[in-house]
């Protein structure tokens, strides 16, 4: 006969069951969502806008060194966001 399930100690809970998505194989590929290509397109548009509009404005207002520093910070941030593991 199966033993009755005893309530856990105060402050603890029963272990959660795995959801269906976490039971899939580790190497299984999931279909890309419909918005992933849009997100990449918007990110590419923002980077292009910064390069074509933002850097000349930074050069005009801050000079050569300021434009290089601003461009390095913005593009470094963008690269970090693009390579972020989710």
C-alpha atoms as a PDB file:
ATOM      1  CA  UNK A   1       0.000   0.000   0.000  1.00  0.00           C
ATOM      2  CA  UNK A   2       1.266   3.510  -0.762  1.00  0.00           C
ATOM      3  CA  UNK A   3       2.331   5.699   2.118  1.00  0.00           C
ATOM      4  CA  UNK A   4       0.253   8.827   2.734  1.00  0.00           C
ATOM      5  CA  UNK A   5       1.861  12.074   1.652  1.00  0.00           C
ATOM      6  CA  UNK A   6       2.989  14.132   4.629  1.00  0.00           C
ATOM      7  CA  UNK A   7       2.747  17.928   4.567  1.00  0.00           C
ATOM      8  CA  UNK A   8       6.153  19.606   4.260  1.00  0.00           C
ATOM      9  CA  UNK A   9       7.769  21.573   7.070  1.00  0.00           C
ATOM     10  CA  UNK A  10       6.772  25.201   7.537  1.00  0.00           C
ATOM     11  CA  UNK A  11       8.146  27.464   4.795  1.00  0.00           C
ATOM     12  CA  UNK A  12       8.748  24.637   2.346  1.00  0.00           C
ATOM     13  CA  UNK A  13       6.581  23.466  -0.473  1.00  0.00           C
ATOM     14  CA  UNK A  14       6.276  20.340  -2.535  1.00  0.00           C
ATOM     15  CA  UNK A  15       8.614  20.138  -5.519  1.00  0.00           C
ATOM     16  CA  UNK A  16       6.950  21.505  -8.630  1.00  0.00           C
ATOM     17  CA  UNK A  17       6.226  19.315 -11.578  1.00  0.00           C
ATOM     18  CA  UNK A  18       8.107  20.040 -14.743  1.00  0.00           C
ATOM     19  CA  UNK A  19       6.112  21.854 -17.348  1.00  0.00           C
ATOM     20  CA  UNK A  20       5.718  20.348 -20.784  1.00  0.00           C
ATOM     21  CA  UNK A  21       8.223  22.719 -22.375  1.00  0.00           C
ATOM     22  CA  UNK A  22      11.027  21.794 -19.977  1.00  0.00           C
ATOM     23  CA  UNK A  23      10.570  18.101 -20.687  1.00  0.00           C
ATOM     24  CA  UNK A  24      11.615  18.481 -24.299  1.00  0.00           C
ATOM     25  CA  UNK A  25      14.971  17.150 -25.375  1.00  0.00           C
ATOM     26  CA  UNK A  26      17.910  19.425 -24.696  1.00  0.00           C
ATOM     27  CA  UNK A  27      18.900  19.615 -28.366  1.00  0.00           C
ATOM     28  CA  UNK A  28      15.392  20.008 -29.744  1.00  0.00           C
ATOM     29  CA  UNK A  29      14.837  23.186 -31.719  1.00  0.00           C
ATOM     30  CA  UNK A  30      11.689  25.165 -31.184  1.00  0.00           C
ATOM     31  CA  UNK A  31      10.038  27.120 -33.963  1.00  0.00           C
ATOM     32  CA  UNK A  32      10.958  30.807 -34.006  1.00  0.00           C
ATOM     33  CA  UNK A  33       8.239  33.120 -32.853  1.00  0.00           C
ATOM     34  CA  UNK A  34       6.593  35.461 -35.323  1.00  0.00           C
ATOM     35  CA  UNK A  35       8.048  38.532 -33.652  1.00  0.00           C
ATOM     36  CA  UNK A  36      11.704  37.421 -33.561  1.00  0.00           C
ATOM     37  CA  UNK A  37      12.452  38.666 -37.095  1.00  0.00           C
ATOM     38  CA  UNK A  38      10.725  41.965 -36.307  1.00  0.00           C
ATOM     39  CA  UNK A  39      12.791  42.378 -33.176  1.00  0.00           C
ATOM     40  CA  UNK A  40      15.989  41.791 -35.160  1.00  0.00           C
ATOM     41  CA  UNK A  41      14.836  44.211 -37.834  1.00  0.00           C
ATOM     42  CA  UNK A  42      14.129  46.930 -35.256  1.00  0.00           C
ATOM     43  CA  UNK A  43      17.517  46.321 -33.613  1.00  0.00           C
ATOM     44  CA  UNK A  44      19.271  46.618 -36.975  1.00  0.00           C
ATOM     45  CA  UNK A  45      17.340  49.824 -37.727  1.00  0.00           C
ATOM     46  CA  UNK A  46      18.359  51.329 -34.394  1.00  0.00           C
ATOM     47  CA  UNK A  47      22.031  50.474 -34.896  1.00  0.00           C
ATOM     48  CA  UNK A  48      21.901  51.891 -38.433  1.00  0.00           C
ATOM     49  CA  UNK A  49      20.218  55.053 -37.187  1.00  0.00           C
ATOM     50  CA  UNK A  50      22.857  55.519 -34.536  1.00  0.00           C
ATOM     51  CA  UNK A  51      25.599  55.078 -37.125  1.00  0.00           C
ATOM     52  CA  UNK A  52      24.098  57.311 -39.798  1.00  0.00           C
ATOM     53  CA  UNK A  53      22.558  60.051 -37.648  1.00  0.00           C
ATOM     54  CA  UNK A  54      23.862  59.797 -34.106  1.00  0.00           C
ATOM     55  CA  UNK A  55      27.600  59.657 -34.785  1.00  0.00           C
ATOM     56  CA  UNK A  56      27.704  62.722 -37.080  1.00  0.00           C
ATOM     57  CA  UNK A  57      25.667  64.647 -34.489  1.00  0.00           C
ATOM     58  CA  UNK A  58      28.001  63.518 -31.711  1.00  0.00           C
ATOM     59  CA  UNK A  59      30.964  64.555 -33.858  1.00  0.00           C
ATOM     60  CA  UNK A  60      29.452  67.981 -34.417  1.00  0.00           C
ATOM     61  CA  UNK A  61      28.660  68.579 -30.754  1.00  0.00           C
ATOM     62  CA  UNK A  62      31.423  66.684 -28.940  1.00  0.00           C
ATOM     63  CA  UNK A  63      34.275  66.533 -31.420  1.00  0.00           C
ATOM     64  CA  UNK A  64      36.184  63.531 -32.727  1.00  0.00           C
ATOM     65  CA  UNK A  65      37.052  61.970 -29.383  1.00  0.00           C
ATOM     66  CA  UNK A  66      33.519  62.415 -28.031  1.00  0.00           C
ATOM     67  CA  UNK A  67      32.001  60.772 -31.092  1.00  0.00           C
ATOM     68  CA  UNK A  68      34.364  57.824 -30.818  1.00  0.00           C
ATOM     69  CA  UNK A  69      33.562  57.376 -27.111  1.00  0.00           C
ATOM     70  CA  UNK A  70      29.799  57.681 -27.611  1.00  0.00           C
ATOM     71  CA  UNK A  71      29.908  55.288 -30.575  1.00  0.00           C
ATOM     72  CA  UNK A  72      31.938  52.770 -28.601  1.00  0.00           C
ATOM     73  CA  UNK A  73      29.524  52.880 -25.674  1.00  0.00           C
ATOM     74  CA  UNK A  74      26.386  52.611 -27.806  1.00  0.00           C
ATOM     75  CA  UNK A  75      27.680  49.860 -30.075  1.00  0.00           C
ATOM     76  CA  UNK A  76      29.144  47.951 -27.122  1.00  0.00           C
ATOM     77  CA  UNK A  77      25.758  48.067 -25.411  1.00  0.00           C
ATOM     78  CA  UNK A  78      24.034  46.906 -28.611  1.00  0.00           C
ATOM     79  CA  UNK A  79      26.504  44.051 -29.070  1.00  0.00           C
ATOM     80  CA  UNK A  80      26.007  42.975 -25.484  1.00  0.00           C
ATOM     81  CA  UNK A  81      22.231  42.963 -25.882  1.00  0.00           C
ATOM     82  CA  UNK A  82      22.423  41.008 -29.136  1.00  0.00           C
ATOM     83  CA  UNK A  83      24.625  38.294 -27.636  1.00  0.00           C
ATOM     84  CA  UNK A  84      22.670  38.026 -24.371  1.00  0.00           C
ATOM     85  CA  UNK A  85      21.618  34.479 -23.494  1.00  0.00           C
ATOM     86  CA  UNK A  86      17.978  34.283 -22.512  1.00  0.00           C
END
